[in-house]
Protein backbone atom coordinates (compact mmCIF):
# COMPACT_ATOMS: atom_id res chain seq x y z
CA MET A 1 -34.49 -85.80 -185.26
CA PRO A 2 -30.97 -87.21 -185.67
CA ARG A 3 -30.51 -90.85 -184.68
CA PRO A 4 -28.65 -91.32 -181.35
CA ALA A 5 -25.00 -92.16 -181.94
CA GLY A 6 -25.01 -94.88 -179.28
CA ASN A 7 -21.90 -96.20 -177.50
CA THR A 8 -19.38 -95.00 -180.06
CA ARG A 9 -16.47 -95.98 -177.85
CA LEU A 10 -17.42 -99.64 -177.89
CA LYS A 11 -18.14 -99.60 -181.61
CA ALA A 12 -14.76 -97.99 -182.38
CA ALA A 13 -12.93 -100.49 -180.18
CA ARG A 14 -14.82 -103.37 -181.84
CA LEU A 15 -13.78 -102.25 -185.32
CA ALA A 16 -10.18 -101.56 -184.26
CA ALA A 17 -9.95 -105.10 -182.86
CA GLY A 18 -10.96 -106.56 -186.20
CA PHE A 19 -14.61 -107.40 -185.47
CA ARG A 20 -16.38 -106.00 -188.52
CA SER A 21 -19.87 -106.74 -187.27
CA GLN A 22 -21.73 -107.00 -184.01
CA GLN A 23 -22.34 -110.67 -184.80
CA ALA A 24 -18.57 -111.34 -185.06
CA LEU A 25 -17.99 -109.88 -181.58
CA ALA A 26 -20.95 -111.76 -180.20
CA ASP A 27 -19.55 -115.05 -181.54
CA ALA A 28 -16.15 -114.33 -179.98
CA LEU A 29 -17.74 -113.56 -176.62
CA GLY A 30 -20.26 -116.40 -176.70
CA VAL A 31 -23.26 -114.08 -176.31
CA GLY A 32 -26.21 -113.20 -178.48
CA VAL A 33 -25.96 -110.40 -180.99
CA ARG A 34 -28.82 -108.59 -179.20
CA GLN A 35 -26.55 -108.28 -176.19
CA VAL A 36 -23.89 -106.53 -178.29
CA ARG A 37 -26.55 -104.24 -179.72
CA ARG A 38 -27.60 -103.22 -176.21
CA TRP A 39 -23.96 -102.53 -175.25
CA GLU A 40 -23.60 -100.30 -178.34
CA SER A 41 -26.84 -98.42 -177.55
CA GLU A 42 -27.12 -94.89 -176.16
CA ASN A 43 -27.44 -96.11 -172.53
CA PRO A 44 -25.57 -99.43 -172.41
CA PRO A 45 -26.17 -101.77 -169.47
CA SER A 46 -23.08 -102.84 -167.52
CA PRO A 47 -21.82 -106.28 -168.56
CA GLN A 48 -21.89 -109.17 -166.10
CA PRO A 49 -18.44 -109.89 -164.54
CA ASP A 50 -17.63 -112.81 -166.88
CA GLN A 51 -18.82 -110.83 -169.89
CA ALA A 52 -16.82 -107.79 -168.73
CA GLN A 53 -13.65 -109.93 -168.53
CA ALA A 54 -14.24 -111.32 -172.02
CA LEU A 55 -14.94 -107.85 -173.45
CA THR A 56 -11.77 -106.28 -172.07
CA ARG A 57 -9.71 -109.28 -173.21
CA GLU A 58 -11.04 -109.21 -176.77
CA LEU A 59 -10.95 -105.44 -177.20
CA GLY A 60 -7.86 -104.63 -175.19
CA GLN A 61 -9.38 -101.74 -173.21
CA ASP A 62 -10.96 -101.35 -169.77
CA LEU A 63 -14.71 -100.98 -169.35
CA GLU A 64 -14.59 -97.25 -168.78
CA SER A 65 -12.73 -96.78 -172.07
CA LEU A 66 -15.38 -98.94 -173.75
CA GLY A 67 -18.15 -96.57 -172.67
CA PHE A 68 -19.41 -98.34 -169.55
CA ASN A 69 -19.83 -96.57 -166.22
CA SER A 70 -18.27 -99.17 -164.00
CA PRO A 71 -15.07 -97.75 -162.48
CA ASN A 72 -14.83 -100.46 -159.82
CA THR A 73 -14.86 -103.22 -162.43
CA ALA A 74 -12.45 -101.27 -164.60
CA GLN A 75 -10.07 -100.89 -161.67
CA SER A 76 -10.33 -104.60 -160.97
CA GLU A 77 -9.52 -105.40 -164.60
CA ARG A 78 -6.47 -103.13 -164.53
CA GLY A 79 -5.36 -104.87 -161.34
CA ARG A 80 -5.78 -108.27 -162.97
CA ARG A 81 -3.60 -107.21 -165.89
CA SER A 82 -0.95 -105.88 -163.53
CA VAL A 83 -0.84 -109.26 -161.80
CA LEU A 84 -0.56 -111.07 -165.15
CA GLY A 85 2.27 -108.79 -166.23
CA ALA A 86 4.13 -109.27 -162.97
CA THR A 87 3.71 -113.05 -163.19
CA ALA A 88 5.08 -113.10 -166.73
CA ALA A 89 8.09 -111.08 -165.63
CA VAL A 90 8.79 -113.47 -162.75
CA VAL A 91 8.88 -116.51 -165.03
CA GLY A 92 11.00 -114.72 -167.61
CA LEU A 93 8.44 -114.42 -170.39
CA ALA A 94 7.92 -110.67 -170.41
CA ALA A 95 9.48 -110.26 -173.87
CA VAL A 96 6.15 -111.11 -175.51
CA PRO A 97 3.57 -108.60 -174.16
CA THR A 98 0.35 -109.95 -172.61
CA THR A 99 -1.58 -106.67 -172.49
CA ALA A 100 -2.87 -104.44 -175.26
CA ILE A 101 -3.70 -100.76 -175.74
CA THR A 102 -5.59 -100.59 -179.02
CA ARG A 103 -4.07 -98.10 -181.43
CA GLN A 104 -3.40 -99.86 -184.72
CA PRO A 105 -6.05 -100.51 -187.40
CA PRO A 106 -7.03 -104.10 -188.25
CA THR A 107 -5.01 -103.88 -191.49
CA VAL A 108 -1.78 -103.97 -189.48
CA ALA A 109 -2.17 -107.74 -189.07
CA ALA A 110 -2.17 -108.42 -192.81
CA ASP A 111 0.82 -106.12 -193.29
CA PHE A 112 2.80 -107.82 -190.55
CA GLU A 113 1.86 -111.29 -191.84
CA ALA A 114 3.04 -110.35 -195.37
CA VAL A 115 6.57 -109.70 -194.14
CA THR A 116 6.53 -112.91 -192.13
CA ARG A 117 5.60 -114.87 -195.28
CA SER A 118 8.36 -113.19 -197.23
CA HIS A 119 10.96 -114.10 -194.63
CA ARG A 120 9.72 -117.70 -194.68
CA ARG A 121 10.26 -117.95 -198.42
CA LEU A 122 13.63 -116.15 -198.27
CA TYR A 123 14.95 -118.76 -195.83
CA TRP A 124 15.49 -121.22 -198.67
CA SER A 125 17.82 -118.97 -200.65
CA VAL A 126 19.16 -116.09 -198.52
CA ALA A 127 22.29 -116.56 -196.43
CA PRO A 128 21.28 -117.22 -192.79
CA ALA A 129 23.63 -114.59 -191.45
CA THR A 130 21.80 -112.06 -193.64
CA LEU A 131 18.24 -113.18 -192.94
CA HIS A 132 18.54 -113.75 -189.19
CA PRO A 133 18.87 -110.07 -188.13
CA ALA A 134 15.82 -109.19 -190.28
CA ALA A 135 13.76 -111.97 -188.67
CA GLN A 136 14.79 -110.86 -185.20
CA ALA A 137 13.97 -107.22 -185.95
CA HIS A 138 10.60 -108.31 -187.30
CA GLY A 139 10.02 -110.15 -184.04
CA SER A 140 10.72 -106.99 -182.06
CA LEU A 141 8.21 -105.13 -184.24
CA GLY A 142 5.62 -107.84 -183.57
CA CYS A 143 6.10 -107.50 -179.79
CA ALA A 144 5.46 -103.77 -180.10
CA LEU A 145 2.33 -104.35 -182.20
CA LEU A 146 0.92 -106.70 -179.58
CA THR A 147 0.66 -103.74 -177.20
CA GLU A 148 -1.23 -101.74 -179.82
CA THR A 149 -3.80 -104.29 -181.06
CA ALA A 150 -6.61 -106.38 -179.61
CA GLY A 151 -9.12 -109.09 -180.47
CA GLN A 152 -8.81 -110.83 -183.82
CA THR A 153 -6.18 -108.38 -185.00
CA ARG A 154 -3.99 -109.10 -182.00
CA ARG A 155 -4.34 -112.86 -182.42
CA ALA A 156 -3.32 -112.59 -186.09
CA VAL A 157 -0.28 -110.53 -185.17
CA ALA A 158 0.63 -113.00 -182.41
CA ALA A 159 0.41 -115.96 -184.84
CA ALA A 160 2.69 -114.21 -187.34
CA LEU A 161 5.03 -113.29 -184.49
CA ALA A 162 5.21 -116.95 -183.45
CA GLU A 163 6.11 -117.85 -187.03
CA SER A 164 8.84 -115.19 -187.08
CA TYR A 165 10.41 -116.44 -183.88
CA LEU A 166 10.10 -120.03 -185.12
CA LEU A 167 12.01 -119.04 -188.27
CA ALA A 168 14.70 -117.28 -186.20
CA GLY A 169 14.98 -120.35 -183.97
CA ARG A 170 15.32 -122.64 -186.98
CA ILE A 171 18.13 -120.49 -188.33
CA GLU A 172 19.88 -120.45 -184.97
CA PHE A 173 19.72 -124.24 -184.61
CA PHE A 174 20.05 -125.60 -188.14
CA ASP A 175 22.19 -122.88 -189.74
CA MET A 176 24.10 -121.19 -186.92
CA ARG A 177 24.39 -124.29 -184.66
CA ASP A 178 23.63 -122.22 -181.57
CA ALA A 179 21.35 -124.54 -179.59
CA ASP A 180 21.12 -122.39 -176.45
CA ARG A 181 20.06 -119.30 -178.40
CA ALA A 182 17.60 -121.35 -180.42
CA GLY A 183 16.02 -122.69 -177.25
CA ASN A 184 15.40 -119.18 -175.94
CA THR A 185 13.96 -118.01 -179.25
CA LEU A 186 11.67 -121.02 -179.56
CA LEU A 187 10.35 -120.28 -176.06
CA LEU A 188 9.35 -116.82 -177.30
CA ALA A 189 7.71 -118.43 -180.32
CA LEU A 190 5.74 -120.75 -178.05
CA GLN A 191 4.53 -117.85 -175.90
CA ALA A 192 3.44 -115.92 -178.99
CA ALA A 193 1.55 -119.01 -180.23
CA GLY A 194 -0.19 -119.09 -176.88
CA GLU A 195 -1.23 -115.46 -177.30
CA ALA A 196 -2.66 -116.44 -180.70
CA ASP A 197 -4.25 -119.57 -179.20
CA ASP A 198 -2.90 -121.58 -182.13
CA PRO A 199 -2.31 -125.19 -180.93
CA LEU A 200 -0.99 -126.45 -184.28
CA LEU A 201 1.68 -123.77 -184.38
CA GLY A 202 2.43 -124.60 -180.78
CA ALA A 203 2.90 -128.25 -181.74
CA ALA A 204 5.36 -127.31 -184.48
CA ILE A 205 7.38 -125.15 -182.10
CA LEU A 206 7.47 -127.79 -179.39
CA ALA A 207 8.62 -130.42 -181.90
CA HIS A 208 11.47 -128.12 -182.92
CA THR A 209 12.52 -127.84 -179.27
CA ALA A 210 12.83 -131.64 -179.17
CA PHE A 211 15.76 -131.46 -181.61
CA ILE A 212 17.89 -129.61 -179.04
CA PRO A 213 18.18 -132.37 -176.38
CA ALA A 214 18.14 -135.09 -179.03
CA TRP A 215 21.33 -133.71 -180.60
CA GLU A 216 22.93 -134.11 -177.15
CA GLY A 217 21.66 -137.68 -176.81
CA GLU A 218 19.18 -136.72 -174.08
CA ARG A 219 16.36 -139.04 -175.15
CA ASP A 220 14.06 -138.54 -172.15
CA LYS A 221 13.91 -134.77 -172.65
CA ALA A 222 13.34 -135.16 -176.39
CA VAL A 223 10.54 -137.67 -175.85
CA GLU A 224 8.86 -135.43 -173.25
CA ARG A 225 8.82 -132.52 -175.70
CA MET A 226 7.42 -134.72 -178.45
CA VAL A 227 4.61 -135.85 -176.12
CA ALA A 228 3.80 -132.18 -175.53
CA ALA A 229 3.91 -131.49 -179.29
CA ARG A 230 1.48 -134.30 -180.06
CA THR A 231 -0.80 -133.14 -177.24
CA TYR A 232 -0.99 -129.67 -178.74
CA ALA A 233 -1.60 -131.14 -182.21
CA ARG A 234 -4.62 -133.05 -180.89
CA ARG A 235 -6.14 -129.81 -179.63
CA GLY A 236 -6.40 -128.61 -183.23
CA VAL A 237 -7.26 -130.39 -186.46
CA PRO A 238 -3.87 -131.41 -187.89
CA SER A 239 -3.34 -132.32 -191.51
CA ALA A 240 -1.81 -135.64 -192.51
CA GLU A 241 1.39 -133.82 -193.36
CA LEU A 242 1.69 -132.31 -189.87
CA VAL A 243 1.06 -135.65 -188.17
CA ALA A 244 3.59 -137.36 -190.43
CA TRP A 245 6.15 -134.59 -189.79
CA LEU A 246 5.81 -135.14 -186.04
CA ASP A 247 6.59 -138.81 -186.65
CA ALA A 248 9.61 -137.81 -188.75
CA VAL A 249 10.90 -135.46 -186.04
CA GLU A 250 10.57 -138.12 -183.39
CA ALA A 251 12.26 -140.62 -185.72
CA GLU A 252 15.26 -138.30 -186.11
CA CYS A 253 15.40 -137.80 -182.37
CA GLU A 254 15.36 -141.57 -181.81
CA THR A 255 18.05 -142.00 -184.45
CA ARG A 256 20.23 -139.42 -182.75
CA CYS A 257 19.75 -141.21 -179.44
CA GLY A 258 20.61 -144.63 -180.90
CA ASP A 259 17.17 -146.26 -181.16
CA THR A 260 17.02 -146.80 -184.92
CA ARG A 261 14.43 -149.60 -184.69
CA THR A 262 11.89 -147.23 -183.15
CA ALA A 263 12.88 -144.59 -185.69
CA LEU A 264 12.13 -146.90 -188.64
CA HIS A 265 8.77 -147.79 -187.10
CA LEU A 266 7.89 -144.10 -186.80
CA ILE A 267 8.91 -143.46 -190.39
CA GLY A 268 6.73 -146.34 -191.55
CA HIS A 269 3.81 -144.84 -189.64
CA ALA A 270 4.47 -141.46 -191.26
CA GLU A 271 4.48 -143.07 -194.72
CA ASP A 272 1.13 -144.71 -193.99
CA THR A 273 -0.29 -141.43 -192.74
CA LEU A 274 0.74 -139.59 -195.89
CA ALA A 275 -0.63 -142.37 -198.06
CA THR A 276 -4.01 -142.20 -196.32
CA GLY A 277 -4.04 -138.41 -196.45
CA SER A 278 -6.65 -136.12 -194.92
CA GLU A 279 -9.12 -133.45 -195.97
CA GLN A 280 -7.51 -130.94 -193.64
CA ARG A 281 -5.21 -128.51 -195.46
CA SER A 282 -1.72 -128.02 -194.04
CA PRO A 283 -0.85 -124.62 -192.58
CA ASP A 284 1.10 -122.35 -194.91
CA TRP A 285 4.06 -122.30 -192.52
CA LEU A 286 4.57 -126.08 -192.92
CA ASP A 287 6.88 -125.57 -195.89
CA TRP A 288 9.77 -127.67 -194.60
CA PHE A 289 8.13 -131.09 -195.05
CA SER A 290 6.91 -133.28 -197.91
CA PRO A 291 6.99 -136.97 -198.89
CA VAL A 292 10.42 -136.36 -200.39
CA ARG A 293 11.68 -134.88 -197.11
CA LEU A 294 10.29 -137.90 -195.29
CA ALA A 295 12.23 -140.17 -197.63
CA ALA A 296 15.35 -138.18 -196.75
CA PHE A 297 14.72 -138.87 -193.07
CA LYS A 298 14.31 -142.56 -193.96
CA GLY A 299 17.53 -142.73 -195.94
CA ASN A 300 19.52 -141.22 -193.09
CA THR A 301 18.04 -143.72 -190.64
CA GLN A 302 18.79 -146.63 -192.94
CA LEU A 303 22.36 -145.38 -193.12
CA LYS A 304 22.63 -145.29 -189.33
CA VAL A 305 21.18 -148.81 -189.07
CA GLY A 306 23.76 -150.05 -191.58
CA HIS A 307 21.30 -150.98 -194.32
CA LEU A 308 23.57 -149.50 -196.97
CA PRO A 309 21.94 -150.78 -200.21
CA GLN A 310 18.51 -149.60 -199.02
CA ALA A 311 19.92 -146.25 -197.90
CA ARG A 312 21.65 -145.74 -201.24
CA GLU A 313 18.45 -146.50 -203.15
CA THR A 314 16.31 -144.25 -200.96
CA LEU A 315 18.72 -141.32 -201.04
CA LEU A 316 19.28 -141.50 -204.79
CA GLY A 317 15.49 -141.37 -205.22
CA VAL A 318 15.34 -138.31 -202.96
CA LEU A 319 18.11 -136.59 -204.91
CA ASP A 320 16.26 -137.16 -208.19
CA SER A 321 12.96 -135.89 -206.70
CA LEU A 322 14.21 -132.74 -204.98
CA ASP A 323 13.13 -129.47 -206.53
CA PRO A 324 16.07 -127.38 -207.78
CA SER A 325 15.16 -124.74 -205.18
CA GLU A 326 15.68 -127.19 -202.33
CA GLU A 327 19.41 -126.54 -202.22
CA LYS A 328 19.86 -126.85 -198.46
CA GLN A 329 18.21 -130.26 -198.39
CA ALA A 330 20.36 -131.34 -201.34
CA THR A 331 23.56 -130.77 -199.36
CA VAL A 332 22.30 -133.03 -196.58
CA VAL A 333 21.28 -135.79 -199.02
CA LEU A 334 24.62 -135.59 -200.85
CA GLY A 335 26.38 -135.80 -197.50
CA ASP A 336 24.41 -138.90 -196.55
CA LEU A 337 25.15 -140.51 -199.92
CA ALA A 338 28.84 -139.81 -199.33
CA ALA A 339 28.52 -141.46 -195.91
CA VAL A 340 26.90 -144.52 -197.50
CA GLU A 341 29.82 -144.96 -199.88
CA ALA A 342 32.38 -144.34 -197.12
CA ALA A 343 30.76 -147.06 -195.02
CA ALA A 344 30.74 -149.36 -198.06
CA GLY A 345 34.50 -148.90 -198.49
CA GLN A 346 34.22 -146.80 -201.66
CA PRO A 347 36.32 -143.68 -200.92
CA ASP A 348 36.28 -142.43 -204.53
CA GLU A 349 32.48 -142.41 -204.66
CA ALA A 350 32.28 -140.95 -201.15
CA CYS A 351 34.53 -138.07 -202.12
CA ARG A 352 32.57 -137.47 -205.31
CA TYR A 353 29.34 -136.93 -203.40
CA ALA A 354 31.10 -134.89 -200.71
CA LEU A 355 32.57 -132.59 -203.38
CA ARG A 356 29.12 -132.08 -204.91
CA ALA A 357 27.85 -131.13 -201.43
CA LEU A 358 30.65 -128.59 -201.09
CA ASP A 359 29.76 -127.16 -204.50
CA GLN A 360 26.23 -126.66 -203.23
CA LEU A 361 27.39 -125.19 -199.92
CA GLU A 362 29.37 -122.52 -201.77
CA ARG A 363 26.11 -121.37 -203.36
CA THR A 364 23.85 -121.80 -200.30
CA TRP A 365 25.42 -122.20 -196.88
CA TYR A 366 23.80 -124.72 -194.54
CA ALA A 367 25.53 -125.78 -191.32
CA MET A 368 23.71 -129.13 -191.24
CA GLY A 369 25.05 -129.94 -194.68
CA MET A 370 28.60 -129.06 -193.64
CA ASP A 371 28.20 -131.26 -190.57
CA ARG A 372 27.40 -134.18 -192.87
CA VAL A 373 30.52 -133.56 -194.97
CA ARG A 374 32.73 -133.39 -191.89
CA GLU A 375 31.29 -136.68 -190.64
CA VAL A 376 32.19 -138.25 -193.97
CA ARG A 377 35.73 -136.90 -193.80
CA ARG A 378 36.19 -138.45 -190.36
CA ALA A 379 34.91 -141.77 -191.72
CA LEU A 380 37.49 -141.53 -194.51
CA ALA A 381 40.42 -141.27 -192.06
CA PRO A 382 41.73 -144.75 -193.07
CA HIS A 383 42.04 -143.48 -196.66
CA GLN A 384 43.45 -140.05 -195.87
CA HIS A 385 46.55 -140.55 -198.02
CA GLU A 386 44.58 -141.40 -201.14
CA ARG A 387 44.38 -138.75 -203.82
CA CYS A 388 40.59 -138.39 -203.71
CA VAL A 389 40.63 -137.66 -199.97
CA ARG A 390 43.42 -135.07 -200.36
CA GLU A 391 41.37 -133.36 -203.07
CA LEU A 392 38.43 -133.35 -200.70
CA ASP A 393 40.62 -131.74 -198.01
CA ASP A 394 41.70 -129.05 -200.44
CA ARG A 395 38.05 -128.16 -201.03
CA LEU A 396 36.92 -128.71 -197.46
CA TYR A 397 39.48 -126.25 -196.18
CA GLY A 398 39.32 -123.80 -199.05
CA TRP A 399 38.90 -120.09 -198.34
CA SER A 400 35.15 -119.84 -198.98
CA THR A 401 34.07 -122.96 -197.08
CA THR A 402 36.39 -122.26 -194.14
CA VAL A 403 35.16 -118.70 -193.75
CA SER A 404 31.52 -119.80 -194.04
CA ALA A 405 32.05 -122.52 -191.44
CA LEU A 406 33.63 -120.10 -188.96
CA SER A 407 31.01 -117.36 -189.47
CA GLY A 408 27.97 -119.59 -189.97
């Protein structure tokens, strides 16, 4: 006699949600594998209420669709989802879906993640105005996929979606200088990270939101967001690099808000953390930080404090250590070196570094780098009639840099 097929609906939903084995689903639900076997049998018993809620959450379908004869519970689950959806809409977070109707195969997560990784690498060389629409469109695709996946597959899509929105938010803040838009995009990124239940990614997103009030000198708001970022980091197992980066972010926020002493203390702590290291590997998305980047933070803070010889030494070391591909960071470092020389009363040297930064900006536009050059030009106002400053003005207001500044 042929072997009974069992509860094929549940088995199909399990596989579609990315759970390759009964044991994998059992682990996700916190039940024994024998329980899953019974549910996938010919006459499955109805799950207990807490198990039913976990099943529908992981597999993205109601109990009836999963092969269980429990219409009342299924109706209750549908009602629960309706309430969640309405709540999300009320608080303005409906852009990232919170419900799923499983349609896509598990492979969709890897495919979506691959594009996210490509965009992340392209950020360092592609013009922001070109990359940003692609990242936003990818985010829209991710939102659509969340309604068509469940379980492990859905969480993987949500994590990649959070990365995509984080990238778009970074472009909007650092490259396009649109803080309001960046804040909204980072909020979407945070919601997607919540759907993925990824606390480390949530910590990174929250730390990025701290930059926004810090640039306006709103220290209390920046500090509050950094406290939230560190809280999320503690919920995971952060690498030494991630912990040090959080120190570096807070140091830059403190510098922007005028507390350079605290900033230098935070940078020292970050240096010690990196020196100690950790066994935990950094997430792949943490590609914007390294010991060299930390030194760049330090050099800028030393400049703001007025420790010019130390700042010059630190920044020259950074410039020598930067990889040729780190062109955006190079413009910022060159701008800071120009600021060091301007503060030291050396207009010729200041203009030389500023011109090198403009050379780099013509190849790879970066709004933060241009901000540094403009700050230097303002500092050089007492020397504006000198030849070197006039040459800088000719380049600063040339066709290519002016157009990039207005469109960036």
